[in-house]
Amino acid sequence: MAQSFVSRLVDLTIANGATASNAISGFKDARAIGIFAPAALLSSLTYVVQVEPTPTGTPFRTLQSGGADISIAASKGIIITDNAFNRIRVLASAAVTAAKTFQSTKRWEG
C-alpha cells in the first residue's frame, strides 16, 4: 500500500497593483492540491482560481465546480482533486493594494 505525503508548492503571490498571481506547475503526481488564502484579503474583491489546461500557453480559464466559480476567501483553504490542467494561479477581481500571498500544497502517494 502506498504512503501519502504532503509537500509545499511555490507560493501564489499577487503583486501590489496586479490582479493575477504567478502561475505554478509541478503537480502532475498530485492526488490533491491545496490553496490557502492569507487573512488580509479585501472583502470587496473576489479571488478565483484559474487553470491553464495545456502546456502550450493557452489562455487561463476560471475553474468551476457544479457550475460555480471556485473562489477563495480570507483565511480559508480549498482542495482541488482530479487536477486535469497544467498550471494554476489566483486572480483578483481588481488590482490589489498590497501583495497577497497564497500558500499551496500537494498531496501525493509514493
C-alpha atoms as a PDB file:
ATOM      1  CA  MET A   1       0.000   0.000   0.000  1.00  0.00           C
ATOM      2  CA  ALA A   2       1.361   3.418  -0.981  1.00  0.00           C
ATOM      3  CA  GLN A   3       2.007   6.110   1.595  1.00  0.00           C
ATOM      4  CA  SER A   4       0.507   9.579   1.265  1.00  0.00           C
ATOM      5  CA  PHE A   5       2.676  12.704   1.590  1.00  0.00           C
ATOM      6  CA  VAL A   6       2.019  16.463   1.633  1.00  0.00           C
ATOM      7  CA  SER A   7       4.570  18.841   0.090  1.00  0.00           C
ATOM      8  CA  ARG A   8       4.673  22.608  -0.183  1.00  0.00           C
ATOM      9  CA  LEU A   9       4.463  24.081  -3.651  1.00  0.00           C
ATOM     10  CA  VAL A  10       5.622  27.548  -4.667  1.00  0.00           C
ATOM     11  CA  ASP A  11       3.518  30.345  -3.159  1.00  0.00           C
ATOM     12  CA  LEU A  12       0.985  32.062  -5.417  1.00  0.00           C
ATOM     13  CA  THR A  13       1.592  35.794  -4.997  1.00  0.00           C
ATOM     14  CA  ILE A  14      -0.423  38.646  -6.457  1.00  0.00           C
ATOM     15  CA  ALA A  15       1.963  41.612  -6.584  1.00  0.00           C
ATOM     16  CA  ASN A  16       0.938  45.080  -5.417  1.00  0.00           C
ATOM     17  CA  GLY A  17      -1.100  46.737  -8.197  1.00  0.00           C
ATOM     18  CA  ALA A  18      -1.679  43.453 -10.075  1.00  0.00           C
ATOM     19  CA  THR A  19      -4.694  41.186 -10.450  1.00  0.00           C
ATOM     20  CA  ALA A  20      -3.094  37.801 -11.280  1.00  0.00           C
ATOM     21  CA  SER A  21      -0.672  35.763  -9.224  1.00  0.00           C
ATOM     22  CA  ASN A  22       2.290  33.921 -10.636  1.00  0.00           C
ATOM     23  CA  ALA A  23       1.319  30.594 -12.183  1.00  0.00           C
ATOM     24  CA  ILE A  24       2.711  27.352 -10.819  1.00  0.00           C
ATOM     25  CA  SER A  25       3.052  23.819 -12.127  1.00  0.00           C
ATOM     26  CA  GLY A  26       4.844  20.703 -10.912  1.00  0.00           C
ATOM     27  CA  PHE A  27       1.874  18.817  -9.531  1.00  0.00           C
ATOM     28  CA  LYS A  28       1.222  16.151 -12.173  1.00  0.00           C
ATOM     29  CA  ASP A  29       1.771  13.478  -9.491  1.00  0.00           C
ATOM     30  CA  ALA A  30      -0.655  15.150  -7.064  1.00  0.00           C
ATOM     31  CA  ARG A  31      -3.778  13.410  -5.814  1.00  0.00           C
ATOM     32  CA  ALA A  32      -4.948  16.784  -4.438  1.00  0.00           C
ATOM     33  CA  ILE A  33      -3.834  20.434  -4.485  1.00  0.00           C
ATOM     34  CA  GLY A  34      -4.473  22.811  -1.587  1.00  0.00           C
ATOM     35  CA  ILE A  35      -4.561  26.605  -1.794  1.00  0.00           C
ATOM     36  CA  PHE A  36      -4.703  28.629   1.423  1.00  0.00           C
ATOM     37  CA  ALA A  37      -5.594  32.319   1.489  1.00  0.00           C
ATOM     38  CA  PRO A  38      -3.961  34.929   3.711  1.00  0.00           C
ATOM     39  CA  ALA A  39      -6.004  36.655   6.425  1.00  0.00           C
ATOM     40  CA  ALA A  40      -5.551  40.104   4.866  1.00  0.00           C
ATOM     41  CA  LEU A  41      -7.800  39.966   1.795  1.00  0.00           C
ATOM     42  CA  LEU A  42     -10.134  42.812   0.891  1.00  0.00           C
ATOM     43  CA  SER A  43     -13.719  41.614   1.241  1.00  0.00           C
ATOM     44  CA  SER A  44     -14.689  43.951  -1.623  1.00  0.00           C
ATOM     45  CA  LEU A  45     -12.666  41.808  -4.063  1.00  0.00           C
ATOM     46  CA  THR A  46     -13.299  38.290  -5.305  1.00  0.00           C
ATOM     47  CA  TYR A  47     -10.410  35.852  -5.690  1.00  0.00           C
ATOM     48  CA  VAL A  48     -10.925  32.961  -8.122  1.00  0.00           C
ATOM     49  CA  VAL A  49      -8.766  30.002  -9.063  1.00  0.00           C
ATOM     50  CA  GLN A  50      -7.741  29.841 -12.709  1.00  0.00           C
ATOM     51  CA  VAL A  51      -6.100  26.992 -14.599  1.00  0.00           C
ATOM     52  CA  GLU A  52      -4.269  26.602 -17.885  1.00  0.00           C
ATOM     53  CA  PRO A  53      -5.376  23.354 -19.497  1.00  0.00           C
ATOM     54  CA  THR A  54      -2.361  22.707 -21.739  1.00  0.00           C
ATOM     55  CA  PRO A  55       1.403  23.296 -21.617  1.00  0.00           C
ATOM     56  CA  THR A  56       1.295  25.307 -24.864  1.00  0.00           C
ATOM     57  CA  GLY A  57       0.390  28.725 -23.489  1.00  0.00           C
ATOM     58  CA  THR A  58      -3.379  28.580 -23.860  1.00  0.00           C
ATOM     59  CA  PRO A  59      -5.406  31.231 -22.003  1.00  0.00           C
ATOM     60  CA  PHE A  60      -6.188  30.672 -18.337  1.00  0.00           C
ATOM     61  CA  ARG A  61      -9.767  29.731 -17.514  1.00  0.00           C
ATOM     62  CA  THR A  62     -11.649  30.143 -14.242  1.00  0.00           C
ATOM     63  CA  LEU A  63     -12.058  26.789 -12.514  1.00  0.00           C
ATOM     64  CA  GLN A  64     -15.638  25.806 -11.722  1.00  0.00           C
ATOM     65  CA  SER A  65     -17.386  23.125  -9.702  1.00  0.00           C
ATOM     66  CA  GLY A  66     -21.063  22.427 -10.170  1.00  0.00           C
ATOM     67  CA  GLY A  67     -21.362  25.471 -12.450  1.00  0.00           C
ATOM     68  CA  ALA A  68     -19.979  27.920  -9.855  1.00  0.00           C
ATOM     69  CA  ASP A  69     -16.589  29.642  -9.945  1.00  0.00           C
ATOM     70  CA  ILE A  70     -14.094  28.335  -7.397  1.00  0.00           C
ATOM     71  CA  SER A  71     -13.302  31.317  -5.198  1.00  0.00           C
ATOM     72  CA  ILE A  72     -11.292  31.585  -2.013  1.00  0.00           C
ATOM     73  CA  ALA A  73     -11.963  33.903   0.929  1.00  0.00           C
ATOM     74  CA  ALA A  74      -9.647  35.337   3.583  1.00  0.00           C
ATOM     75  CA  SER A  75      -8.161  32.740   5.944  1.00  0.00           C
ATOM     76  CA  LYS A  76      -9.830  29.896   4.034  1.00  0.00           C
ATOM     77  CA  GLY A  77      -8.466  26.989   2.082  1.00  0.00           C
ATOM     78  CA  ILE A  78      -9.659  24.950  -0.862  1.00  0.00           C
ATOM     79  CA  ILE A  79      -8.757  21.462  -2.021  1.00  0.00           C
ATOM     80  CA  ILE A  80      -8.745  20.536  -5.705  1.00  0.00           C
ATOM     81  CA  THR A  81      -8.862  16.881  -6.717  1.00  0.00           C
ATOM     82  CA  ASP A  82      -8.707  15.441 -10.208  1.00  0.00           C
ATOM     83  CA  ASN A  83      -6.258  18.049 -11.498  1.00  0.00           C
ATOM     84  CA  ALA A  84      -6.564  17.838 -15.272  1.00  0.00           C
ATOM     85  CA  PHE A  85      -4.617  21.018 -16.012  1.00  0.00           C
ATOM     86  CA  ASN A  86      -1.045  22.194 -16.491  1.00  0.00           C
ATOM     87  CA  ARG A  87      -0.731  25.379 -14.396  1.00  0.00           C
ATOM     88  CA  ILE A  88      -2.745  27.166 -11.717  1.00  0.00           C
ATOM     89  CA  ARG A  89      -2.991  30.746 -10.431  1.00  0.00           C
ATOM     90  CA  VAL A  90      -5.232  33.057  -8.382  1.00  0.00           C
ATOM     91  CA  LEU A  91      -6.978  36.041  -9.985  1.00  0.00           C
ATOM     92  CA  ALA A  92      -8.380  39.046  -8.079  1.00  0.00           C
ATOM     93  CA  SER A  93     -11.406  40.921  -9.439  1.00  0.00           C
ATOM     94  CA  ALA A  94      -9.410  44.194  -9.292  1.00  0.00           C
ATOM     95  CA  ALA A  95      -5.840  45.287  -8.605  1.00  0.00           C
ATOM     96  CA  VAL A  96      -4.680  44.621  -5.044  1.00  0.00           C
ATOM     97  CA  THR A  97      -3.200  47.441  -2.975  1.00  0.00           C
ATOM     98  CA  ALA A  98      -0.615  45.226  -1.269  1.00  0.00           C
ATOM     99  CA  ALA A  99       0.937  41.905  -2.226  1.00  0.00           C
ATOM    100  CA  LYS A 100      -1.235  38.877  -1.401  1.00  0.00           C
ATOM    101  CA  THR A 101       0.440  35.508  -0.885  1.00  0.00           C
ATOM    102  CA  PHE A 102      -1.487  32.239  -1.050  1.00  0.00           C
ATOM    103  CA  GLN A 103       0.258  29.101   0.181  1.00  0.00           C
ATOM    104  CA  SER A 104      -0.104  25.961  -1.919  1.00  0.00           C
ATOM    105  CA  THR A 105       0.468  22.276  -1.247  1.00  0.00           C
ATOM    106  CA  LYS A 106       0.065  18.960  -2.978  1.00  0.00           C
ATOM    107  CA  ARG A 107      -0.791  15.515  -1.666  1.00  0.00           C
ATOM    108  CA  TRP A 108       0.900  12.676  -3.475  1.00  0.00           C
ATOM    109  CA  GLU A 109       1.498   8.979  -2.974  1.00  0.00           C
ATOM    110  CA  GLY A 110       4.781   7.169  -3.022  1.00  0.00           C
END
